[in-house]
Amino acid sequence: MDVYSFLEIKSIGLLLFFSLILLYNLQKIFYYFKQKSLLIKNKTLKKLKRLSWEDFERLTMELFAKEGWKVQGNEKKGADGGVDIWMKKKLFTKRNISAIVQCKRYDDALVTIKVIREMYGLMHEYGVDEAYIVTTSRFTKECYPFVEGKKMTLIDGETLVKHIAKVV
């Protein structure tokens, strides 16, 4: 039977310890590139429509983060009350603004006025300054007159592709 010296056991322990640290850091790097690549990999409307709803929300969060917002996904899974992303931004006037985002990853269905009205109500319920509705599809024609004069932004699929092209 082999007998290992204290120095050999200590060396093996240190080797295992540093190996675990290396694996942990490699996992963080892999996760970083996986998250970062959502915008880079999905520059076309066709690819955006293939995303799962979770990936579409992560892509939207990354997009707004690149546009200067501090973003936070909704903690709730499932029924989220209409808010997928919470955002804050500090303006040059040293005033903070807040916003909420609803993501709708649709193939061909149009986003209806019902969704827009719900978001307008949620803006007031949560006391936020702005609301964004982001979709891979389009909005019905009655949505656009409703948001006029309100701090609401409708981002359809074609506009979304243009936003992505600006930040990548």
C-alpha atoms as a PDB file:
ATOM      1  CA  MET A   1       0.000   0.000   0.000  1.00  0.00           C
ATOM      2  CA  ASP A   2       1.331   3.382  -0.962  1.00  0.00           C
ATOM      3  CA  VAL A   3       1.714   5.976   1.743  1.00  0.00           C
ATOM      4  CA  TYR A   4       1.407   9.570   0.625  1.00  0.00           C
ATOM      5  CA  SER A   5       3.335  12.276   2.339  1.00  0.00           C
ATOM      6  CA  PHE A   6       1.680  15.369   3.764  1.00  0.00           C
ATOM      7  CA  LEU A   7       3.218  17.458   0.969  1.00  0.00           C
ATOM      8  CA  GLU A   8       1.752  15.199  -1.730  1.00  0.00           C
ATOM      9  CA  ILE A   9      -1.732  15.325  -0.165  1.00  0.00           C
ATOM     10  CA  LYS A  10      -1.510  19.093   0.179  1.00  0.00           C
ATOM     11  CA  SER A  11      -0.431  19.410  -3.467  1.00  0.00           C
ATOM     12  CA  ILE A  12      -3.348  17.273  -4.663  1.00  0.00           C
ATOM     13  CA  GLY A  13      -5.744  19.349  -2.549  1.00  0.00           C
ATOM     14  CA  LEU A  14      -4.428  22.614  -4.008  1.00  0.00           C
ATOM     15  CA  LEU A  15      -4.628  21.185  -7.522  1.00  0.00           C
ATOM     16  CA  LEU A  16      -8.275  20.214  -6.965  1.00  0.00           C
ATOM     17  CA  PHE A  17      -9.071  23.616  -5.448  1.00  0.00           C
ATOM     18  CA  PHE A  18      -7.613  25.570  -8.389  1.00  0.00           C
ATOM     19  CA  SER A  19      -9.279  23.207 -10.860  1.00  0.00           C
ATOM     20  CA  LEU A  20     -12.657  23.993  -9.303  1.00  0.00           C
ATOM     21  CA  ILE A  21     -11.967  27.729  -9.495  1.00  0.00           C
ATOM     22  CA  LEU A  22     -10.985  27.349 -13.158  1.00  0.00           C
ATOM     23  CA  LEU A  23     -14.185  25.394 -13.936  1.00  0.00           C
ATOM     24  CA  TYR A  24     -16.310  27.997 -12.139  1.00  0.00           C
ATOM     25  CA  ASN A  25     -14.726  30.846 -14.138  1.00  0.00           C
ATOM     26  CA  LEU A  26     -15.084  28.957 -17.418  1.00  0.00           C
ATOM     27  CA  GLN A  27     -18.780  28.493 -16.660  1.00  0.00           C
ATOM     28  CA  LYS A  28     -19.163  32.250 -16.053  1.00  0.00           C
ATOM     29  CA  ILE A  29     -17.380  33.039 -19.308  1.00  0.00           C
ATOM     30  CA  PHE A  30     -19.547  30.566 -21.241  1.00  0.00           C
ATOM     31  CA  TYR A  31     -22.699  32.058 -19.691  1.00  0.00           C
ATOM     32  CA  TYR A  32     -21.522  35.589 -20.560  1.00  0.00           C
ATOM     33  CA  PHE A  33     -20.965  34.746 -24.224  1.00  0.00           C
ATOM     34  CA  LYS A  34     -24.226  32.795 -24.427  1.00  0.00           C
ATOM     35  CA  GLN A  35     -26.175  35.780 -23.092  1.00  0.00           C
ATOM     36  CA  LYS A  36     -24.233  38.319 -25.125  1.00  0.00           C
ATOM     37  CA  SER A  37     -24.765  36.459 -28.344  1.00  0.00           C
ATOM     38  CA  LEU A  38     -28.558  36.726 -28.364  1.00  0.00           C
ATOM     39  CA  LEU A  39     -28.496  40.075 -30.178  1.00  0.00           C
ATOM     40  CA  ILE A  40     -25.661  39.023 -32.458  1.00  0.00           C
ATOM     41  CA  LYS A  41     -27.253  35.691 -33.436  1.00  0.00           C
ATOM     42  CA  ASN A  42     -30.763  37.054 -33.959  1.00  0.00           C
ATOM     43  CA  LYS A  43     -30.539  40.025 -36.293  1.00  0.00           C
ATOM     44  CA  THR A  44     -33.386  39.047 -38.612  1.00  0.00           C
ATOM     45  CA  LEU A  45     -37.103  38.934 -38.009  1.00  0.00           C
ATOM     46  CA  LYS A  46     -37.209  35.284 -39.050  1.00  0.00           C
ATOM     47  CA  LYS A  47     -34.688  34.358 -36.343  1.00  0.00           C
ATOM     48  CA  LEU A  48     -36.434  36.515 -33.728  1.00  0.00           C
ATOM     49  CA  LYS A  49     -39.693  34.652 -34.342  1.00  0.00           C
ATOM     50  CA  ARG A  50     -37.942  31.324 -33.715  1.00  0.00           C
ATOM     51  CA  LEU A  51     -36.820  32.321 -30.206  1.00  0.00           C
ATOM     52  CA  SER A  52     -38.588  30.948 -27.166  1.00  0.00           C
ATOM     53  CA  TRP A  53     -40.514  33.568 -25.201  1.00  0.00           C
ATOM     54  CA  GLU A  54     -37.845  33.418 -22.458  1.00  0.00           C
ATOM     55  CA  ASP A  55     -35.027  34.084 -24.931  1.00  0.00           C
ATOM     56  CA  PHE A  56     -37.050  36.852 -26.562  1.00  0.00           C
ATOM     57  CA  GLU A  57     -37.397  38.554 -23.160  1.00  0.00           C
ATOM     58  CA  ARG A  58     -33.642  38.148 -22.512  1.00  0.00           C
ATOM     59  CA  LEU A  59     -32.855  39.584 -25.952  1.00  0.00           C
ATOM     60  CA  THR A  60     -35.132  42.555 -25.235  1.00  0.00           C
ATOM     61  CA  MET A  61     -33.447  43.084 -21.865  1.00  0.00           C
ATOM     62  CA  GLU A  62     -30.029  43.038 -23.519  1.00  0.00           C
ATOM     63  CA  LEU A  63     -31.197  45.501 -26.171  1.00  0.00           C
ATOM     64  CA  PHE A  64     -32.489  48.008 -23.617  1.00  0.00           C
ATOM     65  CA  ALA A  65     -29.353  47.562 -21.489  1.00  0.00           C
ATOM     66  CA  LYS A  66     -27.224  48.483 -24.511  1.00  0.00           C
ATOM     67  CA  GLU A  67     -29.412  51.566 -24.944  1.00  0.00           C
ATOM     68  CA  GLY A  68     -28.461  52.742 -21.428  1.00  0.00           C
ATOM     69  CA  TRP A  69     -31.228  51.303 -19.270  1.00  0.00           C
ATOM     70  CA  LYS A  70     -30.745  49.364 -16.051  1.00  0.00           C
ATOM     71  CA  VAL A  71     -32.965  46.358 -16.667  1.00  0.00           C
ATOM     72  CA  GLN A  72     -34.470  43.729 -14.427  1.00  0.00           C
ATOM     73  CA  GLY A  73     -36.601  40.815 -15.539  1.00  0.00           C
ATOM     74  CA  ASN A  74     -39.814  40.017 -13.775  1.00  0.00           C
ATOM     75  CA  GLU A  75     -39.247  37.683 -10.833  1.00  0.00           C
ATOM     76  CA  LYS A  76     -42.578  35.933 -11.356  1.00  0.00           C
ATOM     77  CA  LYS A  77     -42.791  33.049 -13.777  1.00  0.00           C
ATOM     78  CA  GLY A  78     -46.031  32.444 -15.604  1.00  0.00           C
ATOM     79  CA  ALA A  79     -48.704  35.119 -15.142  1.00  0.00           C
ATOM     80  CA  ASP A  80     -46.628  38.280 -14.642  1.00  0.00           C
ATOM     81  CA  GLY A  81     -49.420  40.838 -14.600  1.00  0.00           C
ATOM     82  CA  GLY A  82     -48.381  42.219 -17.980  1.00  0.00           C
ATOM     83  CA  VAL A  83     -44.887  43.400 -17.046  1.00  0.00           C
ATOM     84  CA  ASP A  84     -41.940  41.403 -18.365  1.00  0.00           C
ATOM     85  CA  ILE A  85     -39.136  43.900 -17.766  1.00  0.00           C
ATOM     86  CA  TRP A  86     -38.638  46.741 -15.266  1.00  0.00           C
ATOM     87  CA  MET A  87     -36.220  49.504 -16.259  1.00  0.00           C
ATOM     88  CA  LYS A  88     -34.588  52.627 -14.848  1.00  0.00           C
ATOM     89  CA  LYS A  89     -32.393  55.251 -16.438  1.00  0.00           C
ATOM     90  CA  LYS A  90     -30.646  58.320 -15.077  1.00  0.00           C
ATOM     91  CA  LEU A  91     -30.912  61.301 -17.395  1.00  0.00           C
ATOM     92  CA  PHE A  92     -28.412  64.123 -17.769  1.00  0.00           C
ATOM     93  CA  THR A  93     -30.835  66.274 -15.806  1.00  0.00           C
ATOM     94  CA  LYS A  94     -30.038  63.961 -12.859  1.00  0.00           C
ATOM     95  CA  ARG A  95     -33.637  62.834 -12.885  1.00  0.00           C
ATOM     96  CA  ASN A  96     -34.390  59.134 -12.848  1.00  0.00           C
ATOM     97  CA  ILE A  97     -37.013  57.748 -15.185  1.00  0.00           C
ATOM     98  CA  SER A  98     -38.634  54.362 -14.910  1.00  0.00           C
ATOM     99  CA  ALA A  99     -40.319  52.184 -17.480  1.00  0.00           C
ATOM    100  CA  ILE A 100     -42.038  48.851 -17.928  1.00  0.00           C
ATOM    101  CA  VAL A 101     -41.889  46.543 -20.937  1.00  0.00           C
ATOM    102  CA  GLN A 102     -44.263  43.918 -22.264  1.00  0.00           C
ATOM    103  CA  CYS A 103     -42.745  41.437 -24.749  1.00  0.00           C
ATOM    104  CA  LYS A 104     -44.948  39.695 -27.311  1.00  0.00           C
ATOM    105  CA  ARG A 105     -43.182  37.087 -29.422  1.00  0.00           C
ATOM    106  CA  TYR A 106     -45.766  36.303 -32.051  1.00  0.00           C
ATOM    107  CA  ASP A 107     -45.381  34.632 -35.432  1.00  0.00           C
ATOM    108  CA  ASP A 108     -48.204  36.362 -37.273  1.00  0.00           C
ATOM    109  CA  ALA A 109     -50.845  37.398 -34.725  1.00  0.00           C
ATOM    110  CA  LEU A 110     -51.202  41.143 -34.256  1.00  0.00           C
ATOM    111  CA  VAL A 111     -50.864  42.859 -30.887  1.00  0.00           C
ATOM    112  CA  THR A 112     -54.278  44.293 -30.061  1.00  0.00           C
ATOM    113  CA  ILE A 113     -55.449  47.482 -28.403  1.00  0.00           C
ATOM    114  CA  LYS A 114     -56.343  45.416 -25.303  1.00  0.00           C
ATOM    115  CA  VAL A 115     -52.628  44.844 -24.582  1.00  0.00           C
ATOM    116  CA  ILE A 116     -51.876  48.552 -25.070  1.00  0.00           C
ATOM    117  CA  ARG A 117     -54.687  49.641 -22.736  1.00  0.00           C
ATOM    118  CA  GLU A 118     -53.544  47.178 -20.080  1.00  0.00           C
ATOM    119  CA  MET A 119     -50.010  48.573 -20.248  1.00  0.00           C
ATOM    120  CA  TYR A 120     -51.339  52.119 -19.969  1.00  0.00           C
ATOM    121  CA  GLY A 121     -53.222  51.093 -16.828  1.00  0.00           C
ATOM    122  CA  LEU A 122     -50.118  49.381 -15.429  1.00  0.00           C
ATOM    123  CA  MET A 123     -48.074  52.541 -16.044  1.00  0.00           C
ATOM    124  CA  HIS A 124     -50.367  54.376 -13.659  1.00  0.00           C
ATOM    125  CA  GLU A 125     -50.748  51.505 -11.226  1.00  0.00           C
ATOM    126  CA  TYR A 126     -46.970  51.198 -10.783  1.00  0.00           C
ATOM    127  CA  GLY A 127     -46.237  54.921 -11.152  1.00  0.00           C
ATOM    128  CA  VAL A 128     -43.691  54.535 -13.951  1.00  0.00           C
ATOM    129  CA  ASP A 129     -42.834  57.215 -16.490  1.00  0.00           C
ATOM    130  CA  GLU A 130     -42.879  55.174 -19.700  1.00  0.00           C
ATOM    131  CA  ALA A 131     -44.103  51.906 -21.186  1.00  0.00           C
ATOM    132  CA  TYR A 132     -42.796  49.880 -24.103  1.00  0.00           C
ATOM    133  CA  ILE A 133     -44.514  47.068 -25.958  1.00  0.00           C
ATOM    134  CA  VAL A 134     -42.090  45.030 -28.055  1.00  0.00           C
ATOM    135  CA  THR A 135     -43.237  42.425 -30.565  1.00  0.00           C
ATOM    136  CA  THR A 136     -41.880  40.305 -33.377  1.00  0.00           C
ATOM    137  CA  SER A 137     -45.155  40.923 -35.188  1.00  0.00           C
ATOM    138  CA  ARG A 138     -47.175  44.117 -35.763  1.00  0.00           C
ATOM    139  CA  PHE A 139     -49.822  46.177 -33.971  1.00  0.00           C
ATOM    140  CA  THR A 140     -53.456  46.621 -35.000  1.00  0.00           C
ATOM    141  CA  LYS A 141     -54.245  50.006 -36.559  1.00  0.00           C
ATOM    142  CA  GLU A 142     -56.167  51.290 -33.503  1.00  0.00           C
ATOM    143  CA  CYS A 143     -53.056  50.958 -31.286  1.00  0.00           C
ATOM    144  CA  TYR A 144     -51.199  53.896 -32.843  1.00  0.00           C
ATOM    145  CA  PRO A 145     -53.832  56.621 -32.259  1.00  0.00           C
ATOM    146  CA  PHE A 146     -54.249  55.396 -28.663  1.00  0.00           C
ATOM    147  CA  VAL A 147     -50.564  55.966 -27.754  1.00  0.00           C
ATOM    148  CA  GLU A 148     -50.378  59.455 -29.273  1.00  0.00           C
ATOM    149  CA  GLY A 149     -49.543  61.972 -26.558  1.00  0.00           C
ATOM    150  CA  LYS A 150     -48.756  59.192 -24.065  1.00  0.00           C
ATOM    151  CA  LYS A 151     -45.312  58.087 -22.984  1.00  0.00           C
ATOM    152  CA  MET A 152     -45.788  54.735 -24.633  1.00  0.00           C
ATOM    153  CA  THR A 153     -43.610  53.276 -27.374  1.00  0.00           C
ATOM    154  CA  LEU A 154     -44.699  50.522 -29.743  1.00  0.00           C
ATOM    155  CA  ILE A 155     -41.830  48.531 -31.248  1.00  0.00           C
ATOM    156  CA  ASP A 156     -42.926  46.172 -34.012  1.00  0.00           C
ATOM    157  CA  GLY A 157     -40.775  43.455 -35.585  1.00  0.00           C
ATOM    158  CA  GLU A 158     -39.259  45.611 -38.326  1.00  0.00           C
ATOM    159  CA  THR A 159     -38.436  48.422 -35.887  1.00  0.00           C
ATOM    160  CA  LEU A 160     -36.935  45.891 -33.492  1.00  0.00           C
ATOM    161  CA  VAL A 161     -34.575  44.616 -36.198  1.00  0.00           C
ATOM    162  CA  LYS A 162     -33.464  48.229 -36.830  1.00  0.00           C
ATOM    163  CA  HIS A 163     -32.820  48.773 -33.091  1.00  0.00           C
ATOM    164  CA  ILE A 164     -30.723  45.599 -32.956  1.00  0.00           C
ATOM    165  CA  ALA A 165     -28.690  46.702 -35.993  1.00  0.00           C
ATOM    166  CA  LYS A 166     -27.858  49.997 -34.244  1.00  0.00           C
ATOM    167  CA  VAL A 167     -26.440  48.382 -31.097  1.00  0.00           C
ATOM    168  CA  VAL A 168     -24.482  45.441 -32.538  1.00  0.00           C
END
